[in-house]
Amino acid sequence: MDRKLVLLAGGLLLASITAVSAHVVKGLSSPTLAAAFVSSPSAGTDPLLRVQWGNVDTRLRIMCFFAANTSLPRVDRPGWPRITALGLELPGEPSGFVLMEPLDGDWEVAEHVQTFLPGHGTVDLDFAIMARVNPTGRAPGSPNDPRGIPPGQAGVRGSGTRFCVSGPFPDEIVSGQSTTIEQIINGVVVAFRGVPGTLHEADAGVWDNPARVIPLFP
């Protein structure tokens, strides 16, 4: 298919879901065991915050959002499964993203991350917010100190952990419409660790909606 037609179709698809308010995320391998709720801070129309120096537009924008781990705690390991990373697909290939919150040292940002999505192959994420964990999902050198977002949280706006990231987010994803945080969240990918019955007890989840094609931006 012609790339212009692909982009046009993608724009029409995104335009049809601009009123979405918050995103239910389910694991691609174990949708009943790995689940999350990702939302903008106050409403489905929350905008990105423009960063200016006096009257000069820096072209940087700030996005804040909440991520809650709505997975049911395991009977054998009540603190699991945990969310250990969240990434985003964005149009183009932007770079220069910086984590602004939380700043407790438990999380970090990595750019241009390739991740495997079960049933879909490898997808390129423009950036990912990752917990500083070893391959088992625990703090390095401290096996009894798991990091990430624990399970059993409510699937409501404001629940879970708040993340704020600055970077060159697009002013428009849909032509003629200012980008909202929820539009950006359409492309969220959530990494889970400690999911029973999956390869290496790991799973990746995306927005549970037919409009969530993979990849979101061909």
C-alpha atoms as a PDB file:
ATOM      1  CA  MET A   1       0.000   0.000   0.000  1.00  0.00           C
ATOM      2  CA  ASP A   2       1.205   3.527  -0.805  1.00  0.00           C
ATOM      3  CA  ARG A   3       2.763   5.151   2.293  1.00  0.00           C
ATOM      4  CA  LYS A   4       0.592   8.276   1.863  1.00  0.00           C
ATOM      5  CA  LEU A   5      -2.518   6.110   1.963  1.00  0.00           C
ATOM      6  CA  VAL A   6      -1.209   4.327   5.066  1.00  0.00           C
ATOM      7  CA  LEU A   7      -0.603   7.636   6.857  1.00  0.00           C
ATOM      8  CA  LEU A   8      -4.015   8.958   5.778  1.00  0.00           C
ATOM      9  CA  ALA A   9      -5.715   5.825   7.076  1.00  0.00           C
ATOM     10  CA  GLY A  10      -3.793   6.111  10.334  1.00  0.00           C
ATOM     11  CA  GLY A  11      -4.835   9.738  10.711  1.00  0.00           C
ATOM     12  CA  LEU A  12      -8.490   8.910  10.144  1.00  0.00           C
ATOM     13  CA  LEU A  13      -8.248   6.079  12.662  1.00  0.00           C
ATOM     14  CA  LEU A  14      -6.693   8.344  15.282  1.00  0.00           C
ATOM     15  CA  ALA A  15      -9.280  11.025  14.588  1.00  0.00           C
ATOM     16  CA  SER A  16     -12.027   8.513  15.354  1.00  0.00           C
ATOM     17  CA  ILE A  17     -10.632   7.802  18.845  1.00  0.00           C
ATOM     18  CA  THR A  18      -9.670  11.297  20.008  1.00  0.00           C
ATOM     19  CA  ALA A  19     -12.444  11.308  22.608  1.00  0.00           C
ATOM     20  CA  VAL A  20     -10.947   8.315  24.446  1.00  0.00           C
ATOM     21  CA  SER A  21     -10.515   8.940  28.153  1.00  0.00           C
ATOM     22  CA  ALA A  22      -8.007   6.575  29.791  1.00  0.00           C
ATOM     23  CA  HIS A  23      -6.717   3.274  28.488  1.00  0.00           C
ATOM     24  CA  VAL A  24      -7.250  -0.274  29.695  1.00  0.00           C
ATOM     25  CA  VAL A  25      -4.118  -2.294  28.863  1.00  0.00           C
ATOM     26  CA  LYS A  26      -4.027  -6.095  28.730  1.00  0.00           C
ATOM     27  CA  GLY A  27      -1.139  -8.492  28.280  1.00  0.00           C
ATOM     28  CA  LEU A  28      -0.885  -9.990  24.811  1.00  0.00           C
ATOM     29  CA  SER A  29       0.016 -13.457  26.134  1.00  0.00           C
ATOM     30  CA  SER A  30      -1.999 -13.461  29.371  1.00  0.00           C
ATOM     31  CA  PRO A  31      -4.755 -10.822  29.199  1.00  0.00           C
ATOM     32  CA  THR A  32      -6.454 -12.197  32.324  1.00  0.00           C
ATOM     33  CA  LEU A  33      -3.266 -12.122  34.407  1.00  0.00           C
ATOM     34  CA  ALA A  34      -1.479  -8.945  33.259  1.00  0.00           C
ATOM     35  CA  ALA A  35      -3.466  -5.711  33.140  1.00  0.00           C
ATOM     36  CA  ALA A  36      -2.928  -1.981  33.613  1.00  0.00           C
ATOM     37  CA  PHE A  37      -4.800   1.314  33.524  1.00  0.00           C
ATOM     38  CA  VAL A  38      -2.983   4.267  31.952  1.00  0.00           C
ATOM     39  CA  SER A  39      -4.509   7.744  31.969  1.00  0.00           C
ATOM     40  CA  SER A  40      -3.899  11.465  31.696  1.00  0.00           C
ATOM     41  CA  PRO A  41      -4.012  13.379  35.011  1.00  0.00           C
ATOM     42  CA  SER A  42      -7.470  14.967  34.972  1.00  0.00           C
ATOM     43  CA  ALA A  43      -9.462  14.433  31.765  1.00  0.00           C
ATOM     44  CA  GLY A  44      -9.400  12.926  28.311  1.00  0.00           C
ATOM     45  CA  THR A  45      -8.665  16.346  26.831  1.00  0.00           C
ATOM     46  CA  ASP A  46      -5.565  17.102  28.933  1.00  0.00           C
ATOM     47  CA  PRO A  47      -3.043  18.886  26.664  1.00  0.00           C
ATOM     48  CA  LEU A  48       0.713  18.642  26.572  1.00  0.00           C
ATOM     49  CA  LEU A  49       2.450  21.491  28.401  1.00  0.00           C
ATOM     50  CA  ARG A  50       4.475  23.823  26.209  1.00  0.00           C
ATOM     51  CA  VAL A  51       7.995  24.738  27.400  1.00  0.00           C
ATOM     52  CA  GLN A  52       8.938  28.319  26.550  1.00  0.00           C
ATOM     53  CA  TRP A  53      11.878  30.584  27.331  1.00  0.00           C
ATOM     54  CA  GLY A  54      10.305  34.015  27.444  1.00  0.00           C
ATOM     55  CA  ASN A  55       8.500  34.243  24.120  1.00  0.00           C
ATOM     56  CA  VAL A  56      10.682  31.594  22.506  1.00  0.00           C
ATOM     57  CA  ASP A  57       9.119  28.188  21.923  1.00  0.00           C
ATOM     58  CA  THR A  58      11.726  25.539  22.787  1.00  0.00           C
ATOM     59  CA  ARG A  59       9.747  22.910  20.831  1.00  0.00           C
ATOM     60  CA  LEU A  60       9.780  20.826  23.996  1.00  0.00           C
ATOM     61  CA  ARG A  61       6.557  19.607  25.574  1.00  0.00           C
ATOM     62  CA  ILE A  62       5.816  17.967  28.928  1.00  0.00           C
ATOM     63  CA  MET A  63       3.545  14.965  29.260  1.00  0.00           C
ATOM     64  CA  CYS A  64       2.353  13.651  32.637  1.00  0.00           C
ATOM     65  CA  PHE A  65       0.297  10.491  33.051  1.00  0.00           C
ATOM     66  CA  PHE A  66      -0.617   7.830  35.600  1.00  0.00           C
ATOM     67  CA  ALA A  67      -0.005   4.097  35.316  1.00  0.00           C
ATOM     68  CA  ALA A  68      -1.772   1.649  37.634  1.00  0.00           C
ATOM     69  CA  ASN A  69      -1.132  -2.080  37.804  1.00  0.00           C
ATOM     70  CA  THR A  70      -4.618  -3.574  37.886  1.00  0.00           C
ATOM     71  CA  SER A  71      -3.382  -7.175  37.691  1.00  0.00           C
ATOM     72  CA  LEU A  72      -4.646  -9.456  40.439  1.00  0.00           C
ATOM     73  CA  PRO A  73      -1.852 -10.340  42.905  1.00  0.00           C
ATOM     74  CA  ARG A  74      -0.580 -13.892  42.600  1.00  0.00           C
ATOM     75  CA  VAL A  75      -1.572 -16.278  45.371  1.00  0.00           C
ATOM     76  CA  ASP A  76       1.942 -17.735  45.561  1.00  0.00           C
ATOM     77  CA  ARG A  77       3.745 -14.373  45.150  1.00  0.00           C
ATOM     78  CA  PRO A  78       1.379 -11.581  46.299  1.00  0.00           C
ATOM     79  CA  GLY A  79       3.657  -8.746  45.134  1.00  0.00           C
ATOM     80  CA  TRP A  80       3.595  -9.963  41.532  1.00  0.00           C
ATOM     81  CA  PRO A  81       3.157  -9.480  38.594  1.00  0.00           C
ATOM     82  CA  ARG A  82       4.779  -6.051  38.476  1.00  0.00           C
ATOM     83  CA  ILE A  83       4.985  -3.372  35.810  1.00  0.00           C
ATOM     84  CA  THR A  84       8.670  -2.808  35.123  1.00  0.00           C
ATOM     85  CA  ALA A  85       8.550  -0.584  32.025  1.00  0.00           C
ATOM     86  CA  LEU A  86       6.284   1.598  29.898  1.00  0.00           C
ATOM     87  CA  GLY A  87       7.119   2.664  26.367  1.00  0.00           C
ATOM     88  CA  LEU A  88       5.471   4.771  23.679  1.00  0.00           C
ATOM     89  CA  GLU A  89       5.168   4.602  19.925  1.00  0.00           C
ATOM     90  CA  LEU A  90       5.220   8.097  18.391  1.00  0.00           C
ATOM     91  CA  PRO A  91       5.092   9.349  14.810  1.00  0.00           C
ATOM     92  CA  GLY A  92       8.491   9.984  13.240  1.00  0.00           C
ATOM     93  CA  GLU A  93      11.732   9.313  15.095  1.00  0.00           C
ATOM     94  CA  PRO A  94      11.944  11.956  17.844  1.00  0.00           C
ATOM     95  CA  SER A  95      14.698  11.936  20.461  1.00  0.00           C
ATOM     96  CA  GLY A  96      15.704  13.989  23.484  1.00  0.00           C
ATOM     97  CA  PHE A  97      13.275  12.700  26.121  1.00  0.00           C
ATOM     98  CA  VAL A  98      13.995  13.279  29.816  1.00  0.00           C
ATOM     99  CA  LEU A  99      12.291  11.823  32.880  1.00  0.00           C
ATOM    100  CA  MET A 100      11.054  14.590  35.181  1.00  0.00           C
ATOM    101  CA  GLU A 101       9.066  12.498  37.669  1.00  0.00           C
ATOM    102  CA  PRO A 102       9.594  10.320  39.649  1.00  0.00           C
ATOM    103  CA  LEU A 103      13.171  11.249  40.496  1.00  0.00           C
ATOM    104  CA  ASP A 104      13.821   8.722  43.262  1.00  0.00           C
ATOM    105  CA  GLY A 105      16.313   6.809  41.138  1.00  0.00           C
ATOM    106  CA  ASP A 106      14.091   3.772  40.637  1.00  0.00           C
ATOM    107  CA  TRP A 107      13.204   4.689  37.038  1.00  0.00           C
ATOM    108  CA  GLU A 108      15.123   5.816  33.956  1.00  0.00           C
ATOM    109  CA  VAL A 109      14.412   6.724  30.320  1.00  0.00           C
ATOM    110  CA  ALA A 110      15.883   4.917  27.318  1.00  0.00           C
ATOM    111  CA  GLU A 111      15.326   5.978  23.714  1.00  0.00           C
ATOM    112  CA  HIS A 112      14.743   3.954  20.542  1.00  0.00           C
ATOM    113  CA  VAL A 113      13.976   0.711  22.338  1.00  0.00           C
ATOM    114  CA  GLN A 114      13.075  -2.445  20.448  1.00  0.00           C
ATOM    115  CA  THR A 115      10.627  -4.686  22.239  1.00  0.00           C
ATOM    116  CA  PHE A 116       8.984  -7.988  21.376  1.00  0.00           C
ATOM    117  CA  LEU A 117       5.190  -8.028  21.370  1.00  0.00           C
ATOM    118  CA  PRO A 118       3.774 -11.565  21.440  1.00  0.00           C
ATOM    119  CA  GLY A 119       1.990 -12.336  18.193  1.00  0.00           C
ATOM    120  CA  HIS A 120       3.309  -9.223  16.467  1.00  0.00           C
ATOM    121  CA  GLY A 121       7.081  -9.432  16.451  1.00  0.00           C
ATOM    122  CA  THR A 122       9.467  -6.599  17.278  1.00  0.00           C
ATOM    123  CA  VAL A 123       8.250  -3.011  17.578  1.00  0.00           C
ATOM    124  CA  ASP A 124      10.329   0.165  17.871  1.00  0.00           C
ATOM    125  CA  LEU A 125       9.454   2.387  20.835  1.00  0.00           C
ATOM    126  CA  ASP A 126      10.597   5.998  20.665  1.00  0.00           C
ATOM    127  CA  PHE A 127      11.298   5.930  24.389  1.00  0.00           C
ATOM    128  CA  ALA A 128      10.644   3.749  27.401  1.00  0.00           C
ATOM    129  CA  ILE A 129      10.505   4.464  31.129  1.00  0.00           C
ATOM    130  CA  MET A 130      12.153   1.488  32.783  1.00  0.00           C
ATOM    131  CA  ALA A 131      12.552   0.419  36.393  1.00  0.00           C
ATOM    132  CA  ARG A 132      16.165  -0.112  37.386  1.00  0.00           C
ATOM    133  CA  VAL A 133      15.890  -3.876  37.812  1.00  0.00           C
ATOM    134  CA  ASN A 134      17.830  -7.006  36.973  1.00  0.00           C
ATOM    135  CA  PRO A 135      16.357  -9.655  34.623  1.00  0.00           C
ATOM    136  CA  THR A 136      14.227 -11.055  37.464  1.00  0.00           C
ATOM    137  CA  GLY A 137      12.558  -7.696  38.094  1.00  0.00           C
ATOM    138  CA  ARG A 138      14.345  -6.989  41.376  1.00  0.00           C
ATOM    139  CA  ALA A 139      16.729  -4.256  42.474  1.00  0.00           C
ATOM    140  CA  PRO A 140      20.323  -5.219  41.622  1.00  0.00           C
ATOM    141  CA  GLY A 141      22.062  -6.648  44.685  1.00  0.00           C
ATOM    142  CA  SER A 142      18.804  -6.708  46.640  1.00  0.00           C
ATOM    143  CA  PRO A 143      16.693  -9.745  45.662  1.00  0.00           C
ATOM    144  CA  ASN A 144      14.096  -9.058  48.344  1.00  0.00           C
ATOM    145  CA  ASP A 145      13.495  -5.519  47.104  1.00  0.00           C
ATOM    146  CA  PRO A 146      11.351  -5.699  43.947  1.00  0.00           C
ATOM    147  CA  ARG A 147      10.911  -2.488  41.978  1.00  0.00           C
ATOM    148  CA  GLY A 148       8.287  -1.419  39.524  1.00  0.00           C
ATOM    149  CA  ILE A 149       4.558  -0.978  40.088  1.00  0.00           C
ATOM    150  CA  PRO A 150       2.900  -3.641  42.292  1.00  0.00           C
ATOM    151  CA  PRO A 151      -0.413  -5.338  41.427  1.00  0.00           C
ATOM    152  CA  GLY A 152      -3.869  -4.846  42.912  1.00  0.00           C
ATOM    153  CA  GLN A 153      -4.266  -1.138  42.124  1.00  0.00           C
ATOM    154  CA  ALA A 154      -7.555   0.490  41.136  1.00  0.00           C
ATOM    155  CA  GLY A 155      -8.348   1.120  37.499  1.00  0.00           C
ATOM    156  CA  VAL A 156      -9.279   4.764  37.977  1.00  0.00           C
ATOM    157  CA  ARG A 157      -7.693   8.037  36.931  1.00  0.00           C
ATOM    158  CA  GLY A 158      -4.988   9.128  39.353  1.00  0.00           C
ATOM    159  CA  SER A 159      -4.255   5.622  40.624  1.00  0.00           C
ATOM    160  CA  GLY A 160      -0.772   4.147  40.527  1.00  0.00           C
ATOM    161  CA  THR A 161       2.449   6.000  39.720  1.00  0.00           C
ATOM    162  CA  ARG A 162       2.634   9.415  38.094  1.00  0.00           C
ATOM    163  CA  PHE A 163       5.229   9.875  35.374  1.00  0.00           C
ATOM    164  CA  CYS A 164       6.250  13.149  33.736  1.00  0.00           C
ATOM    165  CA  VAL A 165       8.481  13.275  30.666  1.00  0.00           C
ATOM    166  CA  SER A 166       9.761  16.223  28.639  1.00  0.00           C
ATOM    167  CA  GLY A 167      10.716  15.941  24.988  1.00  0.00           C
ATOM    168  CA  PRO A 168       9.837  16.788  21.385  1.00  0.00           C
ATOM    169  CA  PHE A 169       6.304  15.436  21.463  1.00  0.00           C
ATOM    170  CA  PRO A 170       4.332  16.282  18.299  1.00  0.00           C
ATOM    171  CA  ASP A 171       1.997  19.285  18.411  1.00  0.00           C
ATOM    172  CA  GLU A 172      -0.385  17.433  16.106  1.00  0.00           C
ATOM    173  CA  ILE A 173      -0.962  13.737  15.557  1.00  0.00           C
ATOM    174  CA  VAL A 174      -4.250  14.337  13.778  1.00  0.00           C
ATOM    175  CA  SER A 175      -4.087  17.248  11.341  1.00  0.00           C
ATOM    176  CA  GLY A 176      -5.793  20.350  12.717  1.00  0.00           C
ATOM    177  CA  GLN A 177      -6.052  19.000  16.292  1.00  0.00           C
ATOM    178  CA  SER A 178      -3.734  19.860  19.164  1.00  0.00           C
ATOM    179  CA  THR A 179      -2.201  16.728  20.625  1.00  0.00           C
ATOM    180  CA  THR A 180      -3.675  15.471  23.885  1.00  0.00           C
ATOM    181  CA  ILE A 181      -2.023  13.203  26.420  1.00  0.00           C
ATOM    182  CA  GLU A 182      -4.592  10.484  25.747  1.00  0.00           C
ATOM    183  CA  GLN A 183      -3.680  10.520  22.043  1.00  0.00           C
ATOM    184  CA  ILE A 184      -0.065   9.882  23.010  1.00  0.00           C
ATOM    185  CA  ILE A 185      -1.156   7.048  25.329  1.00  0.00           C
ATOM    186  CA  ASN A 186      -2.797   5.295  22.380  1.00  0.00           C
ATOM    187  CA  GLY A 187       0.693   4.013  21.595  1.00  0.00           C
ATOM    188  CA  VAL A 188       1.606   2.808  25.083  1.00  0.00           C
ATOM    189  CA  VAL A 189       3.312  -0.556  25.620  1.00  0.00           C
ATOM    190  CA  VAL A 190       3.497  -1.932  29.178  1.00  0.00           C
ATOM    191  CA  ALA A 191       6.035  -4.549  30.284  1.00  0.00           C
ATOM    192  CA  PHE A 192       5.068  -7.005  33.022  1.00  0.00           C
ATOM    193  CA  ARG A 193       7.335  -9.328  35.016  1.00  0.00           C
ATOM    194  CA  GLY A 194       6.297 -12.261  37.173  1.00  0.00           C
ATOM    195  CA  VAL A 195       3.390 -13.365  34.977  1.00  0.00           C
ATOM    196  CA  PRO A 196       2.805 -17.100  35.522  1.00  0.00           C
ATOM    197  CA  GLY A 197       2.573 -19.393  32.522  1.00  0.00           C
ATOM    198  CA  THR A 198       4.463 -17.103  30.131  1.00  0.00           C
ATOM    199  CA  LEU A 199       7.950 -17.368  28.665  1.00  0.00           C
ATOM    200  CA  HIS A 200      10.377 -16.228  31.375  1.00  0.00           C
ATOM    201  CA  GLU A 201       7.276 -15.011  33.295  1.00  0.00           C
ATOM    202  CA  ALA A 202       7.209 -11.895  31.120  1.00  0.00           C
ATOM    203  CA  ASP A 203       4.460 -10.296  29.076  1.00  0.00           C
ATOM    204  CA  ALA A 204       3.832  -7.068  27.169  1.00  0.00           C
ATOM    205  CA  GLY A 205       0.500  -5.304  27.044  1.00  0.00           C
ATOM    206  CA  VAL A 206      -1.117  -2.699  24.797  1.00  0.00           C
ATOM    207  CA  TRP A 207      -4.355  -0.744  24.785  1.00  0.00           C
ATOM    208  CA  ASP A 208      -7.232  -3.248  24.706  1.00  0.00           C
ATOM    209  CA  ASN A 209      -9.122  -1.723  21.782  1.00  0.00           C
ATOM    210  CA  PRO A 210      -9.565  -2.771  18.110  1.00  0.00           C
ATOM    211  CA  ALA A 211      -8.251   0.661  17.138  1.00  0.00           C
ATOM    212  CA  ARG A 212      -4.840  -0.275  18.571  1.00  0.00           C
ATOM    213  CA  VAL A 213      -3.029  -1.542  15.509  1.00  0.00           C
ATOM    214  CA  ILE A 214       0.586  -2.732  15.823  1.00  0.00           C
ATOM    215  CA  PRO A 215       2.697  -0.895  14.944  1.00  0.00           C
ATOM    216  CA  LEU A 216       0.599   2.223  15.524  1.00  0.00           C
ATOM    217  CA  PHE A 217       2.671   4.327  13.121  1.00  0.00           C
ATOM    218  CA  PRO A 218       3.833   2.268  10.108  1.00  0.00           C
END
